[in-house]
Amino acid sequence: MLVEMASEGTEYTHEDIAAAALAIGLKTLLRDEPGAERVEHAARVIHEKLHDAAKPKWDAINAIEREFWLDIARAAIRVSDAALVQEAEV
């Protein structure tokens, strides 16, 4: 955008430039796999929302169950991130 403004005389508002910078920043930030801490937080919340208080808490589940919930969290985060990037591009 800045090159267009300098070479072609195209005009963009501060809001246009800020929106473009935000969109590219989100794309850059979200292009990699979500971090382990983020996945862990999401998995914990999903697990707790889908289980009643009588079921084992997150810290009490075994490694196989934990990996199941972490996989679900990774998938949910990827889809959510993709939707966020798509919204930012509009």
N, C-alpha and C. Protein backbone atom coordinates (compact mmCIF):
# COMPACT_ATOMS: atom_id res chain seq x y z
N MET A 1 0.82 -1.19 0.00
CA MET A 1 0.00 0.00 0.00
C MET A 1 0.87 1.26 0.00
N LEU A 2 1.93 1.20 0.80
CA LEU A 2 2.82 2.36 0.87
C LEU A 2 3.53 2.60 -0.46
N VAL A 3 3.91 1.51 -1.14
CA VAL A 3 4.55 1.65 -2.45
C VAL A 3 3.56 2.24 -3.44
N GLU A 4 2.32 1.77 -3.41
CA GLU A 4 1.29 2.33 -4.29
C GLU A 4 1.09 3.81 -4.03
N MET A 5 1.08 4.17 -2.76
CA MET A 5 0.90 5.58 -2.42
C MET A 5 2.05 6.42 -2.96
N ALA A 6 3.27 5.90 -2.85
CA ALA A 6 4.45 6.66 -3.28
C ALA A 6 4.58 6.69 -4.80
N SER A 7 4.33 5.57 -5.46
CA SER A 7 4.59 5.52 -6.90
C SER A 7 3.40 5.88 -7.77
N GLU A 8 2.21 5.55 -7.33
CA GLU A 8 1.03 5.76 -8.16
C GLU A 8 0.14 6.89 -7.67
N GLY A 9 0.45 7.42 -6.53
CA GLY A 9 -0.39 8.48 -5.98
C GLY A 9 -1.71 7.98 -5.42
N THR A 10 -1.82 6.66 -5.25
CA THR A 10 -3.02 6.09 -4.65
C THR A 10 -3.12 6.56 -3.21
N GLU A 11 -4.32 6.81 -2.75
CA GLU A 11 -4.49 7.28 -1.38
C GLU A 11 -5.22 6.23 -0.55
N TYR A 12 -4.67 5.97 0.61
CA TYR A 12 -5.31 5.10 1.60
C TYR A 12 -5.43 5.87 2.89
N THR A 13 -6.48 5.59 3.62
CA THR A 13 -6.65 6.24 4.93
C THR A 13 -5.78 5.52 5.96
N HIS A 14 -5.63 6.15 7.10
CA HIS A 14 -4.91 5.53 8.20
C HIS A 14 -5.60 4.22 8.61
N GLU A 15 -6.93 4.23 8.53
CA GLU A 15 -7.70 3.04 8.89
C GLU A 15 -7.43 1.90 7.91
N ASP A 16 -7.32 2.22 6.60
CA ASP A 16 -7.01 1.20 5.59
C ASP A 16 -5.65 0.56 5.87
N ILE A 17 -4.68 1.39 6.17
CA ILE A 17 -3.32 0.89 6.43
C ILE A 17 -3.30 0.07 7.72
N ALA A 18 -3.99 0.57 8.75
CA ALA A 18 -4.05 -0.17 10.02
C ALA A 18 -4.74 -1.51 9.84
N ALA A 19 -5.82 -1.55 9.09
CA ALA A 19 -6.55 -2.81 8.85
C ALA A 19 -5.67 -3.79 8.09
N ALA A 20 -4.94 -3.32 7.09
CA ALA A 20 -4.05 -4.20 6.33
C ALA A 20 -2.93 -4.73 7.22
N ALA A 21 -2.38 -3.87 8.05
CA ALA A 21 -1.31 -4.31 8.96
C ALA A 21 -1.83 -5.33 9.97
N LEU A 22 -3.03 -5.11 10.47
CA LEU A 22 -3.63 -6.05 11.41
C LEU A 22 -3.89 -7.39 10.73
N ALA A 23 -4.43 -7.37 9.53
CA ALA A 23 -4.73 -8.62 8.81
C ALA A 23 -3.46 -9.41 8.55
N ILE A 24 -2.41 -8.75 8.09
CA ILE A 24 -1.16 -9.48 7.80
C ILE A 24 -0.51 -9.95 9.10
N GLY A 25 -0.64 -9.17 10.16
CA GLY A 25 -0.11 -9.59 11.46
C GLY A 25 -0.82 -10.84 11.97
N LEU A 26 -2.14 -10.87 11.85
CA LEU A 26 -2.90 -12.05 12.26
C LEU A 26 -2.52 -13.27 11.43
N LYS A 27 -2.40 -13.09 10.12
CA LYS A 27 -2.01 -14.21 9.25
C LYS A 27 -0.64 -14.75 9.65
N THR A 28 0.28 -13.86 9.94
CA THR A 28 1.63 -14.28 10.33
C THR A 28 1.61 -15.00 11.67
N LEU A 29 0.90 -14.44 12.62
CA LEU A 29 0.82 -15.03 13.96
C LEU A 29 0.13 -16.39 13.94
N LEU A 30 -0.89 -16.53 13.12
CA LEU A 30 -1.71 -17.74 13.16
C LEU A 30 -1.34 -18.79 12.11
N ARG A 31 -0.28 -18.57 11.37
CA ARG A 31 0.07 -19.53 10.31
C ARG A 31 0.69 -20.81 10.87
N ASP A 32 1.28 -20.73 12.05
CA ASP A 32 1.90 -21.89 12.66
C ASP A 32 0.89 -22.60 13.56
N GLU A 33 1.27 -23.79 13.99
CA GLU A 33 0.44 -24.54 14.92
C GLU A 33 0.29 -23.74 16.22
N PRO A 34 -0.85 -23.85 16.87
CA PRO A 34 -1.02 -23.15 18.14
C PRO A 34 -0.04 -23.67 19.18
N GLY A 35 0.39 -22.79 20.06
CA GLY A 35 1.34 -23.16 21.10
C GLY A 35 0.74 -24.14 22.10
N ALA A 36 1.62 -24.88 22.77
CA ALA A 36 1.20 -25.92 23.71
C ALA A 36 0.35 -25.35 24.84
N GLU A 37 0.71 -24.20 25.35
CA GLU A 37 -0.06 -23.61 26.46
C GLU A 37 -1.47 -23.24 26.01
N ARG A 38 -1.57 -22.68 24.82
CA ARG A 38 -2.88 -22.31 24.28
C ARG A 38 -3.76 -23.55 24.07
N VAL A 39 -3.16 -24.61 23.54
CA VAL A 39 -3.89 -25.86 23.32
C VAL A 39 -4.34 -26.44 24.66
N GLU A 40 -3.45 -26.43 25.63
CA GLU A 40 -3.77 -26.96 26.96
C GLU A 40 -4.96 -26.21 27.58
N HIS A 41 -4.94 -24.89 27.49
CA HIS A 41 -6.05 -24.09 28.04
C HIS A 41 -7.36 -24.42 27.34
N ALA A 42 -7.32 -24.50 26.02
CA ALA A 42 -8.53 -24.80 25.26
C ALA A 42 -9.05 -26.20 25.58
N ALA A 43 -8.15 -27.17 25.65
CA ALA A 43 -8.55 -28.55 25.96
C ALA A 43 -9.20 -28.63 27.34
N ARG A 44 -8.61 -27.95 28.29
CA ARG A 44 -9.15 -27.95 29.66
C ARG A 44 -10.58 -27.39 29.67
N VAL A 45 -10.78 -26.28 28.99
CA VAL A 45 -12.10 -25.65 28.96
C VAL A 45 -13.11 -26.55 28.25
N ILE A 46 -12.74 -27.10 27.11
CA ILE A 46 -13.65 -27.99 26.37
C ILE A 46 -14.02 -29.19 27.24
N HIS A 47 -13.01 -29.80 27.85
CA HIS A 47 -13.25 -30.97 28.71
C HIS A 47 -14.20 -30.62 29.84
N GLU A 48 -13.95 -29.53 30.51
CA GLU A 48 -14.79 -29.15 31.66
C GLU A 48 -16.22 -28.79 31.24
N LYS A 49 -16.37 -28.18 30.08
CA LYS A 49 -17.71 -27.80 29.61
C LYS A 49 -18.53 -29.03 29.22
N LEU A 50 -17.86 -30.10 28.80
CA LEU A 50 -18.57 -31.29 28.34
C LEU A 50 -18.72 -32.37 29.41
N HIS A 51 -18.24 -32.12 30.60
CA HIS A 51 -18.34 -33.10 31.68
C HIS A 51 -18.96 -32.45 32.91
N ASP A 52 -19.76 -33.24 33.60
CA ASP A 52 -20.36 -32.70 34.83
C ASP A 52 -19.35 -32.79 35.97
N ALA A 53 -19.71 -32.22 37.07
CA ALA A 53 -18.79 -32.12 38.22
C ALA A 53 -18.40 -33.48 38.79
N ALA A 54 -19.19 -34.50 38.56
CA ALA A 54 -18.90 -35.83 39.11
C ALA A 54 -17.80 -36.57 38.33
N LYS A 55 -17.53 -36.14 37.12
CA LYS A 55 -16.51 -36.80 36.30
C LYS A 55 -15.11 -36.33 36.72
N PRO A 56 -14.07 -37.11 36.36
CA PRO A 56 -12.70 -36.69 36.71
C PRO A 56 -12.35 -35.33 36.12
N LYS A 57 -11.69 -34.53 36.92
CA LYS A 57 -11.23 -33.22 36.46
C LYS A 57 -10.05 -33.38 35.50
N TRP A 58 -9.72 -32.31 34.80
CA TRP A 58 -8.66 -32.32 33.81
C TRP A 58 -7.36 -32.91 34.36
N ASP A 59 -6.96 -32.49 35.52
CA ASP A 59 -5.70 -32.95 36.10
C ASP A 59 -5.70 -34.44 36.46
N ALA A 60 -6.88 -35.06 36.52
CA ALA A 60 -6.99 -36.46 36.92
C ALA A 60 -7.10 -37.42 35.73
N ILE A 61 -7.24 -36.91 34.51
CA ILE A 61 -7.40 -37.82 33.38
C ILE A 61 -6.04 -38.39 32.96
N ASN A 62 -6.08 -39.58 32.34
CA ASN A 62 -4.82 -40.22 31.94
C ASN A 62 -4.29 -39.64 30.63
N ALA A 63 -3.10 -40.05 30.26
CA ALA A 63 -2.41 -39.50 29.09
C ALA A 63 -3.17 -39.75 27.78
N ILE A 64 -3.79 -40.90 27.65
CA ILE A 64 -4.54 -41.20 26.42
C ILE A 64 -5.75 -40.27 26.29
N GLU A 65 -6.49 -40.12 27.38
CA GLU A 65 -7.64 -39.20 27.36
C GLU A 65 -7.19 -37.76 27.12
N ARG A 66 -6.10 -37.39 27.77
CA ARG A 66 -5.59 -36.02 27.63
C ARG A 66 -5.24 -35.73 26.17
N GLU A 67 -4.58 -36.67 25.50
CA GLU A 67 -4.21 -36.46 24.09
C GLU A 67 -5.45 -36.32 23.21
N PHE A 68 -6.50 -37.09 23.52
CA PHE A 68 -7.76 -36.98 22.80
C PHE A 68 -8.30 -35.55 22.88
N TRP A 69 -8.33 -35.00 24.09
CA TRP A 69 -8.85 -33.65 24.29
C TRP A 69 -7.91 -32.59 23.69
N LEU A 70 -6.63 -32.83 23.73
CA LEU A 70 -5.69 -31.90 23.09
C LEU A 70 -5.88 -31.88 21.58
N ASP A 71 -6.14 -33.04 20.97
CA ASP A 71 -6.42 -33.10 19.53
C ASP A 71 -7.67 -32.30 19.18
N ILE A 72 -8.69 -32.45 19.98
CA ILE A 72 -9.92 -31.68 19.76
C ILE A 72 -9.65 -30.19 19.88
N ALA A 73 -8.89 -29.81 20.88
CA ALA A 73 -8.56 -28.39 21.08
C ALA A 73 -7.76 -27.84 19.90
N ARG A 74 -6.77 -28.60 19.41
CA ARG A 74 -5.99 -28.15 18.25
C ARG A 74 -6.89 -27.91 17.04
N ALA A 75 -7.79 -28.85 16.80
CA ALA A 75 -8.71 -28.72 15.66
C ALA A 75 -9.60 -27.49 15.82
N ALA A 76 -10.13 -27.29 17.02
CA ALA A 76 -11.00 -26.14 17.27
C ALA A 76 -10.24 -24.82 17.09
N ILE A 77 -9.01 -24.79 17.57
CA ILE A 77 -8.20 -23.57 17.44
C ILE A 77 -7.89 -23.29 15.98
N ARG A 78 -7.52 -24.33 15.21
CA ARG A 78 -7.21 -24.12 13.79
C ARG A 78 -8.41 -23.54 13.05
N VAL A 79 -9.58 -24.10 13.28
CA VAL A 79 -10.79 -23.61 12.60
C VAL A 79 -11.11 -22.19 13.04
N SER A 80 -11.00 -21.92 14.31
CA SER A 80 -11.26 -20.59 14.83
C SER A 80 -10.27 -19.56 14.27
N ASP A 81 -9.00 -19.94 14.23
CA ASP A 81 -7.98 -19.04 13.69
C ASP A 81 -8.22 -18.75 12.21
N ALA A 82 -8.58 -19.78 11.45
CA ALA A 82 -8.85 -19.59 10.02
C ALA A 82 -10.03 -18.64 9.81
N ALA A 83 -11.07 -18.78 10.63
CA ALA A 83 -12.22 -17.89 10.54
C ALA A 83 -11.83 -16.45 10.89
N LEU A 84 -10.97 -16.30 11.90
CA LEU A 84 -10.52 -14.97 12.29
C LEU A 84 -9.73 -14.30 11.17
N VAL A 85 -8.83 -15.05 10.54
CA VAL A 85 -8.06 -14.50 9.43
C VAL A 85 -8.99 -14.12 8.28
N GLN A 86 -9.96 -14.98 7.99
CA GLN A 86 -10.90 -14.68 6.91
C GLN A 86 -11.70 -13.40 7.21
N GLU A 87 -12.13 -13.25 8.44
CA GLU A 87 -12.85 -12.03 8.82
C GLU A 87 -11.97 -10.80 8.70
N ALA A 88 -10.69 -10.94 9.05
CA ALA A 88 -9.78 -9.80 9.00
C ALA A 88 -9.51 -9.36 7.56
N GLU A 89 -9.62 -10.28 6.62
CA GLU A 89 -9.34 -9.96 5.21
C GLU A 89 -10.49 -9.22 4.56
N VAL A 90 -11.67 -9.29 5.13
CA VAL A 90 -12.84 -8.66 4.50
C VAL A 90 -12.81 -7.18 4.64
